[in-house]
Amino acid sequence: MSALRRISDGLADKADANISKWGLQDEATLILAATEELGELAQAFLKSKHEGGQIGRITDEAKDLGALCCQIIYLLEHKSDGRGE
């Protein structure tokens, strides 16, 4: 398995877990959550560059953001094929 496939599978697993926990959320909720995660990713990056923060935190935040992006794509595809609202 390629490294990118492993990463994308991990993001899909995290997105599935999010949906199991929170249900299929609407676009506004997901986009606001993704925006928050992007801010946390930026903060983790700045801390790693200027305050001795851990690089692993950047990876964790990127995974959280990636999972939310997967959920947004899933929701939009789900709606466009007639299964959604």
PDB file of N, CA and C in Angstrom:
ATOM      1  N   MET A   1       0.851  -1.179   0.000  1.00  0.00           N
ATOM      2  CA  MET A   1       0.000   0.000   0.000  1.00  0.00           C
ATOM      3  C   MET A   1       0.894   1.239   0.000  1.00  0.00           C
ATOM      4  N   SER A   2       0.532   2.195  -0.848  1.00  0.00           N
ATOM      5  CA  SER A   2       1.331   3.419  -0.909  1.00  0.00           C
ATOM      6  C   SER A   2       1.117   4.252   0.347  1.00  0.00           C
ATOM      7  N   ALA A   3       2.065   5.132   0.596  1.00  0.00           N
ATOM      8  CA  ALA A   3       1.963   6.000   1.776  1.00  0.00           C
ATOM      9  C   ALA A   3       0.725   6.897   1.685  1.00  0.00           C
ATOM     10  N   LEU A   4       0.436   7.406   0.499  1.00  0.00           N
ATOM     11  CA  LEU A   4      -0.747   8.266   0.355  1.00  0.00           C
ATOM     12  C   LEU A   4      -2.038   7.479   0.565  1.00  0.00           C
ATOM     13  N   ARG A   5      -2.091   6.247   0.097  1.00  0.00           N
ATOM     14  CA  ARG A   5      -3.285   5.418   0.299  1.00  0.00           C
ATOM     15  C   ARG A   5      -3.476   5.148   1.790  1.00  0.00           C
ATOM     16  N   ARG A   6      -2.380   4.890   2.503  1.00  0.00           N
ATOM     17  CA  ARG A   6      -2.461   4.662   3.949  1.00  0.00           C
ATOM     18  C   ARG A   6      -2.991   5.896   4.658  1.00  0.00           C
ATOM     19  N   ILE A   7      -2.512   7.054   4.249  1.00  0.00           N
ATOM     20  CA  ILE A   7      -2.974   8.306   4.855  1.00  0.00           C
ATOM     21  C   ILE A   7      -4.447   8.537   4.544  1.00  0.00           C
ATOM     22  N   SER A   8      -4.838   8.362   3.276  1.00  0.00           N
ATOM     23  CA  SER A   8      -6.240   8.608   2.910  1.00  0.00           C
ATOM     24  C   SER A   8      -7.174   7.610   3.590  1.00  0.00           C
ATOM     25  N   ASP A   9      -6.731   6.368   3.740  1.00  0.00           N
ATOM     26  CA  ASP A   9      -7.542   5.389   4.466  1.00  0.00           C
ATOM     27  C   ASP A   9      -7.709   5.807   5.928  1.00  0.00           C
ATOM     28  N   GLY A  10      -6.639   6.333   6.516  1.00  0.00           N
ATOM     29  CA  GLY A  10      -6.711   6.811   7.901  1.00  0.00           C
ATOM     30  C   GLY A  10      -7.671   7.984   8.048  1.00  0.00           C
ATOM     31  N   LEU A  11      -7.660   8.887   7.059  1.00  0.00           N
ATOM     32  CA  LEU A  11      -8.588  10.025   7.092  1.00  0.00           C
ATOM     33  C   LEU A  11     -10.026   9.541   6.962  1.00  0.00           C
ATOM     34  N   ALA A  12     -10.256   8.574   6.083  1.00  0.00           N
ATOM     35  CA  ALA A  12     -11.605   8.020   5.916  1.00  0.00           C
ATOM     36  C   ALA A  12     -12.066   7.346   7.203  1.00  0.00           C
ATOM     37  N   ASP A  13     -11.169   6.618   7.865  1.00  0.00           N
ATOM     38  CA  ASP A  13     -11.522   5.975   9.138  1.00  0.00           C
ATOM     39  C   ASP A  13     -11.890   7.021  10.187  1.00  0.00           C
ATOM     40  N   LYS A  14     -11.118   8.111  10.238  1.00  0.00           N
ATOM     41  CA  LYS A  14     -11.392   9.184  11.201  1.00  0.00           C
ATOM     42  C   LYS A  14     -12.721   9.870  10.869  1.00  0.00           C
ATOM     43  N   ALA A  15     -12.994  10.080   9.585  1.00  0.00           N
ATOM     44  CA  ALA A  15     -14.268  10.672   9.171  1.00  0.00           C
ATOM     45  C   ALA A  15     -15.428   9.756   9.554  1.00  0.00           C
ATOM     46  N   ASP A  16     -15.272   8.447   9.335  1.00  0.00           N
ATOM     47  CA  ASP A  16     -16.313   7.484   9.731  1.00  0.00           C
ATOM     48  C   ASP A  16     -16.575   7.547  11.235  1.00  0.00           C
ATOM     49  N   ALA A  17     -15.505   7.644  12.015  1.00  0.00           N
ATOM     50  CA  ALA A  17     -15.655   7.732  13.470  1.00  0.00           C
ATOM     51  C   ALA A  17     -16.376   9.022  13.860  1.00  0.00           C
ATOM     52  N   ASN A  18     -16.034  10.124  13.180  1.00  0.00           N
ATOM     53  CA  ASN A  18     -16.725  11.394  13.449  1.00  0.00           C
ATOM     54  C   ASN A  18     -18.218  11.275  13.148  1.00  0.00           C
ATOM     55  N   ILE A  19     -18.559  10.654  12.014  1.00  0.00           N
ATOM     56  CA  ILE A  19     -19.964  10.495  11.636  1.00  0.00           C
ATOM     57  C   ILE A  19     -20.676   9.583  12.625  1.00  0.00           C
ATOM     58  N   SER A  20     -20.001   8.544  13.068  1.00  0.00           N
ATOM     59  CA  SER A  20     -20.607   7.652  14.070  1.00  0.00           C
ATOM     60  C   SER A  20     -20.905   8.403  15.365  1.00  0.00           C
ATOM     61  N   LYS A  21     -19.989   9.286  15.745  1.00  0.00           N
ATOM     62  CA  LYS A  21     -20.144  10.027  16.999  1.00  0.00           C
ATOM     63  C   LYS A  21     -21.158  11.163  16.876  1.00  0.00           C
ATOM     64  N   TRP A  22     -21.090  11.943  15.784  1.00  0.00           N
ATOM     65  CA  TRP A  22     -21.857  13.182  15.662  1.00  0.00           C
ATOM     66  C   TRP A  22     -22.995  13.108  14.654  1.00  0.00           C
ATOM     67  N   GLY A  23     -23.064  12.037  13.880  1.00  0.00           N
ATOM     68  CA  GLY A  23     -24.053  11.946  12.818  1.00  0.00           C
ATOM     69  C   GLY A  23     -23.581  12.709  11.583  1.00  0.00           C
ATOM     70  N   LEU A  24     -24.396  12.666  10.539  1.00  0.00           N
ATOM     71  CA  LEU A  24     -24.072  13.382   9.308  1.00  0.00           C
ATOM     72  C   LEU A  24     -24.478  14.843   9.495  1.00  0.00           C
ATOM     73  N   GLN A  25     -23.490  15.686   9.686  1.00  0.00           N
ATOM     74  CA  GLN A  25     -23.747  17.093   9.995  1.00  0.00           C
ATOM     75  C   GLN A  25     -23.956  17.904   8.717  1.00  0.00           C
ATOM     76  N   ASP A  26     -24.553  19.077   8.859  1.00  0.00           N
ATOM     77  CA  ASP A  26     -24.819  19.942   7.709  1.00  0.00           C
ATOM     78  C   ASP A  26     -23.544  20.663   7.271  1.00  0.00           C
ATOM     79  N   GLU A  27     -23.628  21.261   6.067  1.00  0.00           N
ATOM     80  CA  GLU A  27     -22.451  21.919   5.487  1.00  0.00           C
ATOM     81  C   GLU A  27     -21.893  23.020   6.384  1.00  0.00           C
ATOM     82  N   ALA A  28     -22.773  23.857   6.924  1.00  0.00           N
ATOM     83  CA  ALA A  28     -22.308  24.984   7.743  1.00  0.00           C
ATOM     84  C   ALA A  28     -21.516  24.486   8.945  1.00  0.00           C
ATOM     85  N   THR A  29     -22.035  23.474   9.621  1.00  0.00           N
ATOM     86  CA  THR A  29     -21.343  22.938  10.797  1.00  0.00           C
ATOM     87  C   THR A  29     -19.982  22.383  10.408  1.00  0.00           C
ATOM     88  N   LEU A  30     -19.939  21.623   9.314  1.00  0.00           N
ATOM     89  CA  LEU A  30     -18.677  21.018   8.892  1.00  0.00           C
ATOM     90  C   LEU A  30     -17.670  22.065   8.434  1.00  0.00           C
ATOM     91  N   ILE A  31     -18.132  23.069   7.702  1.00  0.00           N
ATOM     92  CA  ILE A  31     -17.210  24.102   7.227  1.00  0.00           C
ATOM     93  C   ILE A  31     -16.689  24.939   8.391  1.00  0.00           C
ATOM     94  N   LEU A  32     -17.541  25.244   9.347  1.00  0.00           N
ATOM     95  CA  LEU A  32     -17.067  25.971  10.532  1.00  0.00           C
ATOM     96  C   LEU A  32     -16.072  25.124  11.330  1.00  0.00           C
ATOM     97  N   ALA A  33     -16.353  23.833  11.472  1.00  0.00           N
ATOM     98  CA  ALA A  33     -15.426  22.949  12.182  1.00  0.00           C
ATOM     99  C   ALA A  33     -14.091  22.855  11.438  1.00  0.00           C
ATOM    100  N   ALA A  34     -14.150  22.771  10.097  1.00  0.00           N
ATOM    101  CA  ALA A  34     -12.917  22.711   9.304  1.00  0.00           C
ATOM    102  C   ALA A  34     -12.117  24.006   9.440  1.00  0.00           C
ATOM    103  N   THR A  35     -12.821  25.135   9.487  1.00  0.00           N
ATOM    104  CA  THR A  35     -12.150  26.426   9.670  1.00  0.00           C
ATOM    105  C   THR A  35     -11.442  26.474  11.019  1.00  0.00           C
ATOM    106  N   GLU A  36     -12.112  25.971  12.042  1.00  0.00           N
ATOM    107  CA  GLU A  36     -11.497  25.910  13.369  1.00  0.00           C
ATOM    108  C   GLU A  36     -10.251  25.021  13.340  1.00  0.00           C
ATOM    109  N   GLU A  37     -10.360  23.878  12.687  1.00  0.00           N
ATOM    110  CA  GLU A  37      -9.207  22.966  12.603  1.00  0.00           C
ATOM    111  C   GLU A  37      -8.063  23.585  11.812  1.00  0.00           C
ATOM    112  N   LEU A  38      -8.382  24.341  10.767  1.00  0.00           N
ATOM    113  CA  LEU A  38      -7.337  25.022  10.008  1.00  0.00           C
ATOM    114  C   LEU A  38      -6.595  26.016  10.900  1.00  0.00           C
ATOM    115  N   GLY A  39      -7.332  26.725  11.750  1.00  0.00           N
ATOM    116  CA  GLY A  39      -6.696  27.633  12.703  1.00  0.00           C
ATOM    117  C   GLY A  39      -5.797  26.887  13.673  1.00  0.00           C
ATOM    118  N   GLU A  40      -6.260  25.721  14.132  1.00  0.00           N
ATOM    119  CA  GLU A  40      -5.444  24.920  15.044  1.00  0.00           C
ATOM    120  C   GLU A  40      -4.202  24.374  14.334  1.00  0.00           C
ATOM    121  N   LEU A  41      -4.338  24.042  13.049  1.00  0.00           N
ATOM    122  CA  LEU A  41      -3.183  23.599  12.262  1.00  0.00           C
ATOM    123  C   LEU A  41      -2.167  24.730  12.129  1.00  0.00           C
ATOM    124  N   ALA A  42      -2.647  25.928  11.834  1.00  0.00           N
ATOM    125  CA  ALA A  42      -1.755  27.084  11.714  1.00  0.00           C
ATOM    126  C   ALA A  42      -1.061  27.370  13.041  1.00  0.00           C
ATOM    127  N   GLN A  43      -1.809  27.272  14.134  1.00  0.00           N
ATOM    128  CA  GLN A  43      -1.231  27.503  15.457  1.00  0.00           C
ATOM    129  C   GLN A  43      -0.152  26.456  15.771  1.00  0.00           C
ATOM    130  N   ALA A  44      -0.431  25.202  15.458  1.00  0.00           N
ATOM    131  CA  ALA A  44       0.559  24.145  15.700  1.00  0.00           C
ATOM    132  C   ALA A  44       1.819  24.378  14.866  1.00  0.00           C
ATOM    133  N   PHE A  45       1.637  24.824  13.623  1.00  0.00           N
ATOM    134  CA  PHE A  45       2.772  25.119  12.762  1.00  0.00           C
ATOM    135  C   PHE A  45       3.615  26.248  13.341  1.00  0.00           C
ATOM    136  N   LEU A  46       2.960  27.334  13.730  1.00  0.00           N
ATOM    137  CA  LEU A  46       3.693  28.475  14.283  1.00  0.00           C
ATOM    138  C   LEU A  46       4.421  28.105  15.572  1.00  0.00           C
ATOM    139  N   LYS A  47       3.766  27.314  16.418  1.00  0.00           N
ATOM    140  CA  LYS A  47       4.418  26.894  17.653  1.00  0.00           C
ATOM    141  C   LYS A  47       5.634  26.029  17.364  1.00  0.00           C
ATOM    142  N   SER A  48       5.546  25.165  16.353  1.00  0.00           N
ATOM    143  CA  SER A  48       6.690  24.300  16.035  1.00  0.00           C
ATOM    144  C   SER A  48       7.857  25.111  15.481  1.00  0.00           C
ATOM    145  N   LYS A  49       7.555  26.169  14.755  1.00  0.00           N
ATOM    146  CA  LYS A  49       8.609  26.985  14.144  1.00  0.00           C
ATOM    147  C   LYS A  49       9.216  28.005  15.096  1.00  0.00           C
ATOM    148  N   HIS A  50       8.409  28.521  16.036  1.00  0.00           N
ATOM    149  CA  HIS A  50       8.874  29.657  16.834  1.00  0.00           C
ATOM    150  C   HIS A  50       8.891  29.428  18.340  1.00  0.00           C
ATOM    151  N   GLU A  51       8.249  28.348  18.788  1.00  0.00           N
ATOM    152  CA  GLU A  51       8.157  28.140  20.233  1.00  0.00           C
ATOM    153  C   GLU A  51       8.544  26.723  20.657  1.00  0.00           C
ATOM    154  N   GLY A  52       9.193  26.002  19.783  1.00  0.00           N
ATOM    155  CA  GLY A  52       9.631  24.654  20.132  1.00  0.00           C
ATOM    156  C   GLY A  52       8.513  23.623  20.215  1.00  0.00           C
ATOM    157  N   GLY A  53       7.401  23.894  19.538  1.00  0.00           N
ATOM    158  CA  GLY A  53       6.290  22.946  19.548  1.00  0.00           C
ATOM    159  C   GLY A  53       6.634  21.670  18.791  1.00  0.00           C
ATOM    160  N   GLN A  54       5.837  20.646  19.008  1.00  0.00           N
ATOM    161  CA  GLN A  54       6.095  19.344  18.409  1.00  0.00           C
ATOM    162  C   GLN A  54       5.507  19.241  17.000  1.00  0.00           C
ATOM    163  N   ILE A  55       6.287  18.665  16.096  1.00  0.00           N
ATOM    164  CA  ILE A  55       5.828  18.464  14.725  1.00  0.00           C
ATOM    165  C   ILE A  55       4.644  17.501  14.686  1.00  0.00           C
ATOM    166  N   GLY A  56       4.603  16.553  15.597  1.00  0.00           N
ATOM    167  CA  GLY A  56       3.496  15.604  15.645  1.00  0.00           C
ATOM    168  C   GLY A  56       2.150  16.277  15.812  1.00  0.00           C
ATOM    169  N   ARG A  57       2.147  17.409  16.465  1.00  0.00           N
ATOM    170  CA  ARG A  57       0.889  18.169  16.643  1.00  0.00           C
ATOM    171  C   ARG A  57       0.394  18.694  15.304  1.00  0.00           C
ATOM    172  N   ILE A  58       1.316  19.091  14.428  1.00  0.00           N
ATOM    173  CA  ILE A  58       0.933  19.543  13.090  1.00  0.00           C
ATOM    174  C   ILE A  58       0.240  18.397  12.356  1.00  0.00           C
ATOM    175  N   THR A  59       0.832  17.220  12.423  1.00  0.00           N
ATOM    176  CA  THR A  59       0.258  16.039  11.775  1.00  0.00           C
ATOM    177  C   THR A  59      -1.130  15.741  12.325  1.00  0.00           C
ATOM    178  N   ASP A  60      -1.285  15.795  13.638  1.00  0.00           N
ATOM    179  CA  ASP A  60      -2.589  15.515  14.259  1.00  0.00           C
ATOM    180  C   ASP A  60      -3.652  16.497  13.784  1.00  0.00           C
ATOM    181  N   GLU A  61      -3.300  17.768  13.747  1.00  0.00           N
ATOM    182  CA  GLU A  61      -4.264  18.784  13.312  1.00  0.00           C
ATOM    183  C   GLU A  61      -4.591  18.627  11.832  1.00  0.00           C
ATOM    184  N   ALA A  62      -3.589  18.284  11.016  1.00  0.00           N
ATOM    185  CA  ALA A  62      -3.831  18.060   9.590  1.00  0.00           C
ATOM    186  C   ALA A  62      -4.771  16.871   9.381  1.00  0.00           C
ATOM    187  N   LYS A  63      -4.617  15.832  10.196  1.00  0.00           N
ATOM    188  CA  LYS A  63      -5.520  14.679  10.099  1.00  0.00           C
ATOM    189  C   LYS A  63      -6.939  15.058  10.490  1.00  0.00           C
ATOM    190  N   ASP A  64      -7.084  15.855  11.534  1.00  0.00           N
ATOM    191  CA  ASP A  64      -8.426  16.312  11.940  1.00  0.00           C
ATOM    192  C   ASP A  64      -9.079  17.109  10.810  1.00  0.00           C
ATOM    193  N   LEU A  65      -8.310  18.006  10.197  1.00  0.00           N
ATOM    194  CA  LEU A  65      -8.827  18.807   9.094  1.00  0.00           C
ATOM    195  C   LEU A  65      -9.153  17.929   7.892  1.00  0.00           C
ATOM    196  N   GLY A  66      -8.270  17.001   7.577  1.00  0.00           N
ATOM    197  CA  GLY A  66      -8.494  16.101   6.442  1.00  0.00           C
ATOM    198  C   GLY A  66      -9.754  15.271   6.596  1.00  0.00           C
ATOM    199  N   ALA A  67      -9.995  14.783   7.812  1.00  0.00           N
ATOM    200  CA  ALA A  67     -11.204  13.992   8.068  1.00  0.00           C
ATOM    201  C   ALA A  67     -12.454  14.845   7.853  1.00  0.00           C
ATOM    202  N   LEU A  68     -12.423  16.089   8.309  1.00  0.00           N
ATOM    203  CA  LEU A  68     -13.568  16.979   8.100  1.00  0.00           C
ATOM    204  C   LEU A  68     -13.773  17.265   6.619  1.00  0.00           C
ATOM    205  N   CYS A  69     -12.699  17.419   5.870  1.00  0.00           N
ATOM    206  CA  CYS A  69     -12.823  17.624   4.424  1.00  0.00           C
ATOM    207  C   CYS A  69     -13.457  16.399   3.765  1.00  0.00           C
ATOM    208  N   CYS A  70     -13.083  15.207   4.216  1.00  0.00           N
ATOM    209  CA  CYS A  70     -13.716  13.982   3.718  1.00  0.00           C
ATOM    210  C   CYS A  70     -15.209  13.992   4.011  1.00  0.00           C
ATOM    211  N   GLN A  71     -15.576  14.430   5.199  1.00  0.00           N
ATOM    212  CA  GLN A  71     -16.986  14.486   5.576  1.00  0.00           C
ATOM    213  C   GLN A  71     -17.752  15.480   4.704  1.00  0.00           C
ATOM    214  N   ILE A  72     -17.142  16.609   4.390  1.00  0.00           N
ATOM    215  CA  ILE A  72     -17.788  17.596   3.530  1.00  0.00           C
ATOM    216  C   ILE A  72     -18.029  16.993   2.146  1.00  0.00           C
ATOM    217  N   ILE A  73     -17.014  16.352   1.595  1.00  0.00           N
ATOM    218  CA  ILE A  73     -17.155  15.715   0.278  1.00  0.00           C
ATOM    219  C   ILE A  73     -18.237  14.652   0.325  1.00  0.00           C
ATOM    220  N   TYR A  74     -18.218  13.821   1.354  1.00  0.00           N
ATOM    221  CA  TYR A  74     -19.227  12.769   1.490  1.00  0.00           C
ATOM    222  C   TYR A  74     -20.630  13.369   1.543  1.00  0.00           C
ATOM    223  N   LEU A  75     -20.805  14.404   2.352  1.00  0.00           N
ATOM    224  CA  LEU A  75     -22.116  15.033   2.483  1.00  0.00           C
ATOM    225  C   LEU A  75     -22.594  15.573   1.138  1.00  0.00           C
ATOM    226  N   LEU A  76     -21.739  16.277   0.430  1.00  0.00           N
ATOM    227  CA  LEU A  76     -22.136  16.865  -0.845  1.00  0.00           C
ATOM    228  C   LEU A  76     -22.452  15.792  -1.883  1.00  0.00           C
ATOM    229  N   GLU A  77     -21.672  14.723  -1.913  1.00  0.00           N
ATOM    230  CA  GLU A  77     -21.965  13.629  -2.834  1.00  0.00           C
ATOM    231  C   GLU A  77     -23.254  12.918  -2.435  1.00  0.00           C
ATOM    232  N   HIS A  78     -23.458  12.760  -1.137  1.00  0.00           N
ATOM    233  CA  HIS A  78     -24.655  12.115  -0.595  1.00  0.00           C
ATOM    234  C   HIS A  78     -25.898  12.910  -1.002  1.00  0.00           C
ATOM    235  N   LYS A  79     -25.811  14.232  -0.929  1.00  0.00           N
ATOM    236  CA  LYS A  79     -26.943  15.096  -1.293  1.00  0.00           C
ATOM    237  C   LYS A  79     -27.174  15.104  -2.790  1.00  0.00           C
ATOM    238  N   SER A  80     -26.093  15.098  -3.573  1.00  0.00           N
ATOM    239  CA  SER A  80     -26.243  15.231  -5.024  1.00  0.00           C
ATOM    240  C   SER A  80     -26.790  13.962  -5.672  1.00  0.00           C
ATOM    241  N   ASP A  81     -26.663  12.823  -5.019  1.00  0.00           N
ATOM    242  CA  ASP A  81     -27.194  11.591  -5.615  1.00  0.00           C
ATOM    243  C   ASP A  81     -28.607  11.273  -5.123  1.00  0.00           C
ATOM    244  N   GLY A  82     -29.229  12.233  -4.433  1.00  0.00           N
ATOM    245  CA  GLY A  82     -30.621  12.076  -4.037  1.00  0.00           C
ATOM    246  C   GLY A  82     -30.844  11.414  -2.703  1.00  0.00           C
ATOM    247  N   ARG A  83     -29.786  11.028  -2.001  1.00  0.00           N
ATOM    248  CA  ARG A  83     -29.948  10.378  -0.705  1.00  0.00           C
ATOM    249  C   ARG A  83     -30.004  11.367   0.439  1.00  0.00           C
ATOM    250  N   GLY A  84     -29.593  12.609   0.178  1.00  0.00           N
ATOM    251  CA  GLY A  84     -29.554  13.612   1.244  1.00  0.00           C
ATOM    252  C   GLY A  84     -30.823  14.431   1.296  1.00  0.00           C
ATOM    253  N   GLU A  85     -30.697  15.606   1.890  1.00  0.00           N
ATOM    254  CA  GLU A  85     -31.854  16.494   2.090  1.00  0.00           C
ATOM    255  C   GLU A  85     -32.514  16.904   0.796  1.00  0.00           C
TER     256      GLU A  85
END
